[in-house]
């Protein structure tokens, strides 16, 4: 099982980044996909979530209207489009896959660093 994030980097305030999370080793379409972030000295927080079929999304109030989560089940990949980035968005961003129900499972990626600075 692997979740591999990519797309992080250094951008100026107001810029954009698109994170990707490539999944392998499990049935991607059975899992809710989440993006979390953790800034230095802070707890990990949920940023965005998308249901297994992609019909439902949820966002933290801190990113609502600026970030968009999506997924492509044919490519086993989840995305996080981040626009109007602010210095406060600086953090390590983690991809998470979670299956609920009879046989719950959870997987984490290794993270990708996002730094917003001028």
C-alpha atoms as a PDB file:
ATOM      1  CA  UNK A   1       0.000   0.000   0.000  1.00  0.00           C
ATOM      2  CA  UNK A   2       1.296   3.421  -0.929  1.00  0.00           C
ATOM      3  CA  UNK A   3       0.093   6.994  -0.904  1.00  0.00           C
ATOM      4  CA  UNK A   4       2.567   9.311  -2.581  1.00  0.00           C
ATOM      5  CA  UNK A   5       2.043  13.051  -2.413  1.00  0.00           C
ATOM      6  CA  UNK A   6       3.602  15.487  -4.846  1.00  0.00           C
ATOM      7  CA  UNK A   7       3.255  19.081  -5.946  1.00  0.00           C
ATOM      8  CA  UNK A   8       4.423  20.924  -2.880  1.00  0.00           C
ATOM      9  CA  UNK A   9       6.893  23.771  -3.005  1.00  0.00           C
ATOM     10  CA  UNK A  10       7.595  27.408  -2.297  1.00  0.00           C
ATOM     11  CA  UNK A  11       5.204  30.017  -3.660  1.00  0.00           C
ATOM     12  CA  UNK A  12       4.484  33.652  -2.974  1.00  0.00           C
ATOM     13  CA  UNK A  13       1.355  34.787  -1.145  1.00  0.00           C
ATOM     14  CA  UNK A  14      -1.579  34.838  -3.508  1.00  0.00           C
ATOM     15  CA  UNK A  15      -0.140  32.037  -5.598  1.00  0.00           C
ATOM     16  CA  UNK A  16      -1.433  28.559  -6.345  1.00  0.00           C
ATOM     17  CA  UNK A  17      -0.319  24.975  -6.003  1.00  0.00           C
ATOM     18  CA  UNK A  18      -1.869  21.683  -6.953  1.00  0.00           C
ATOM     19  CA  UNK A  19      -1.086  18.700  -4.768  1.00  0.00           C
ATOM     20  CA  UNK A  20      -1.516  15.149  -6.009  1.00  0.00           C
ATOM     21  CA  UNK A  21      -1.839  11.917  -4.075  1.00  0.00           C
ATOM     22  CA  UNK A  22      -1.187   8.760  -6.066  1.00  0.00           C
ATOM     23  CA  UNK A  23      -2.560   5.612  -4.457  1.00  0.00           C
ATOM     24  CA  UNK A  24      -1.635   1.986  -5.012  1.00  0.00           C
ATOM     25  CA  UNK A  25      -2.091  -1.350  -3.340  1.00  0.00           C
ATOM     26  CA  UNK A  26      -5.711  -0.974  -2.301  1.00  0.00           C
ATOM     27  CA  UNK A  27      -9.132  -0.372  -3.870  1.00  0.00           C
ATOM     28  CA  UNK A  28      -8.998   3.399  -4.128  1.00  0.00           C
ATOM     29  CA  UNK A  29     -12.672   3.827  -5.006  1.00  0.00           C
ATOM     30  CA  UNK A  30     -13.728   2.323  -1.643  1.00  0.00           C
ATOM     31  CA  UNK A  31     -11.964   4.998   0.384  1.00  0.00           C
ATOM     32  CA  UNK A  32     -12.760   8.490   1.503  1.00  0.00           C
ATOM     33  CA  UNK A  33      -9.777  10.685   0.707  1.00  0.00           C
ATOM     34  CA  UNK A  34      -8.628  13.426   3.036  1.00  0.00           C
ATOM     35  CA  UNK A  35      -5.966  16.088   3.016  1.00  0.00           C
ATOM     36  CA  UNK A  36      -4.471  17.061   6.362  1.00  0.00           C
ATOM     37  CA  UNK A  37      -1.783  19.572   7.200  1.00  0.00           C
ATOM     38  CA  UNK A  38       0.536  20.147  10.096  1.00  0.00           C
ATOM     39  CA  UNK A  39       2.471  23.311  10.756  1.00  0.00           C
ATOM     40  CA  UNK A  40       5.479  23.378  13.104  1.00  0.00           C
ATOM     41  CA  UNK A  41       4.351  23.351  16.698  1.00  0.00           C
ATOM     42  CA  UNK A  42       0.729  22.739  15.800  1.00  0.00           C
ATOM     43  CA  UNK A  43      -1.540  19.728  15.700  1.00  0.00           C
ATOM     44  CA  UNK A  44      -2.405  18.018  12.455  1.00  0.00           C
ATOM     45  CA  UNK A  45      -5.675  19.386  11.087  1.00  0.00           C
ATOM     46  CA  UNK A  46      -8.129  18.219   8.470  1.00  0.00           C
ATOM     47  CA  UNK A  47      -8.162  20.516   5.461  1.00  0.00           C
ATOM     48  CA  UNK A  48     -10.503  18.813   3.006  1.00  0.00           C
ATOM     49  CA  UNK A  49     -12.311  15.540   2.417  1.00  0.00           C
ATOM     50  CA  UNK A  50     -14.000  13.871  -0.531  1.00  0.00           C
ATOM     51  CA  UNK A  51     -16.308  10.889  -0.545  1.00  0.00           C
ATOM     52  CA  UNK A  52     -15.396   7.635  -2.242  1.00  0.00           C
ATOM     53  CA  UNK A  53     -17.298   8.429  -5.442  1.00  0.00           C
ATOM     54  CA  UNK A  54     -16.442  12.114  -5.342  1.00  0.00           C
ATOM     55  CA  UNK A  55     -19.989  13.322  -4.878  1.00  0.00           C
ATOM     56  CA  UNK A  56     -19.461  15.022  -1.529  1.00  0.00           C
ATOM     57  CA  UNK A  57     -16.707  17.348  -0.359  1.00  0.00           C
ATOM     58  CA  UNK A  58     -16.028  19.111   2.912  1.00  0.00           C
ATOM     59  CA  UNK A  59     -13.573  21.832   3.821  1.00  0.00           C
ATOM     60  CA  UNK A  60     -12.097  23.455   6.853  1.00  0.00           C
ATOM     61  CA  UNK A  61     -13.418  26.969   7.345  1.00  0.00           C
ATOM     62  CA  UNK A  62      -9.825  28.160   7.023  1.00  0.00           C
ATOM     63  CA  UNK A  63      -9.594  27.068   3.390  1.00  0.00           C
ATOM     64  CA  UNK A  64     -13.194  27.127   2.182  1.00  0.00           C
ATOM     65  CA  UNK A  65     -13.457  29.057  -1.060  1.00  0.00           C
ATOM     66  CA  UNK A  66      -9.717  28.840  -1.731  1.00  0.00           C
ATOM     67  CA  UNK A  67      -9.009  25.098  -1.871  1.00  0.00           C
ATOM     68  CA  UNK A  68     -10.689  22.449  -4.014  1.00  0.00           C
ATOM     69  CA  UNK A  69     -10.420  18.720  -3.423  1.00  0.00           C
ATOM     70  CA  UNK A  70     -11.081  16.288  -6.244  1.00  0.00           C
ATOM     71  CA  UNK A  71     -10.328  12.719  -7.250  1.00  0.00           C
ATOM     72  CA  UNK A  72      -9.997  10.572 -10.326  1.00  0.00           C
ATOM     73  CA  UNK A  73     -10.872   6.996  -9.451  1.00  0.00           C
ATOM     74  CA  UNK A  74      -9.719   5.783 -12.855  1.00  0.00           C
ATOM     75  CA  UNK A  75      -6.229   7.102 -12.067  1.00  0.00           C
ATOM     76  CA  UNK A  76      -6.280   6.241  -8.344  1.00  0.00           C
ATOM     77  CA  UNK A  77      -5.338   9.819  -7.590  1.00  0.00           C
ATOM     78  CA  UNK A  78      -6.649  12.574  -5.344  1.00  0.00           C
ATOM     79  CA  UNK A  79      -5.890  16.256  -5.770  1.00  0.00           C
ATOM     80  CA  UNK A  80      -5.902  19.430  -3.757  1.00  0.00           C
ATOM     81  CA  UNK A  81      -6.013  22.644  -5.757  1.00  0.00           C
ATOM     82  CA  UNK A  82      -4.874  25.492  -3.548  1.00  0.00           C
ATOM     83  CA  UNK A  83      -5.467  29.078  -4.654  1.00  0.00           C
ATOM     84  CA  UNK A  84      -5.014  32.454  -2.981  1.00  0.00           C
ATOM     85  CA  UNK A  85      -2.393  30.941  -0.743  1.00  0.00           C
ATOM     86  CA  UNK A  86      -1.498  32.701   2.479  1.00  0.00           C
ATOM     87  CA  UNK A  87       1.568  32.433   4.724  1.00  0.00           C
ATOM     88  CA  UNK A  88      -0.684  30.699   7.259  1.00  0.00           C
ATOM     89  CA  UNK A  89      -1.107  27.823   4.783  1.00  0.00           C
ATOM     90  CA  UNK A  90       2.543  26.899   5.273  1.00  0.00           C
ATOM     91  CA  UNK A  91       2.653  23.314   6.512  1.00  0.00           C
ATOM     92  CA  UNK A  92       3.398  19.735   5.666  1.00  0.00           C
ATOM     93  CA  UNK A  93       0.415  18.386   3.744  1.00  0.00           C
ATOM     94  CA  UNK A  94      -0.568  14.743   4.114  1.00  0.00           C
ATOM     95  CA  UNK A  95      -2.843  12.555   2.079  1.00  0.00           C
ATOM     96  CA  UNK A  96      -5.052  10.129   3.996  1.00  0.00           C
ATOM     97  CA  UNK A  97      -7.250   7.287   2.782  1.00  0.00           C
ATOM     98  CA  UNK A  98      -9.942   5.956   5.084  1.00  0.00           C
ATOM     99  CA  UNK A  99     -12.473   3.176   4.674  1.00  0.00           C
ATOM    100  CA  UNK A 100     -15.389   2.951   7.053  1.00  0.00           C
ATOM    101  CA  UNK A 101     -17.758   0.129   7.834  1.00  0.00           C
ATOM    102  CA  UNK A 102     -17.214  -3.544   8.452  1.00  0.00           C
ATOM    103  CA  UNK A 103     -13.467  -3.591   7.770  1.00  0.00           C
ATOM    104  CA  UNK A 104     -12.192  -0.101   8.474  1.00  0.00           C
ATOM    105  CA  UNK A 105      -8.742   0.768   7.152  1.00  0.00           C
ATOM    106  CA  UNK A 106      -6.599   3.859   7.087  1.00  0.00           C
ATOM    107  CA  UNK A 107      -3.452   4.801   5.198  1.00  0.00           C
ATOM    108  CA  UNK A 108      -1.189   7.850   5.239  1.00  0.00           C
ATOM    109  CA  UNK A 109       1.251   9.353   2.798  1.00  0.00           C
ATOM    110  CA  UNK A 110       4.651  10.711   3.728  1.00  0.00           C
ATOM    111  CA  UNK A 111       3.699  14.333   3.208  1.00  0.00           C
ATOM    112  CA  UNK A 112       4.706  17.166   0.915  1.00  0.00           C
ATOM    113  CA  UNK A 113       5.938  20.533   2.159  1.00  0.00           C
ATOM    114  CA  UNK A 114       4.087  23.699   1.198  1.00  0.00           C
ATOM    115  CA  UNK A 115       5.760  27.009   2.015  1.00  0.00           C
ATOM    116  CA  UNK A 116       4.136  30.369   1.354  1.00  0.00           C
ATOM    117  CA  UNK A 117       6.582  33.230   1.553  1.00  0.00           C
ATOM    118  CA  UNK A 118       7.604  36.323  -0.300  1.00  0.00           C
END
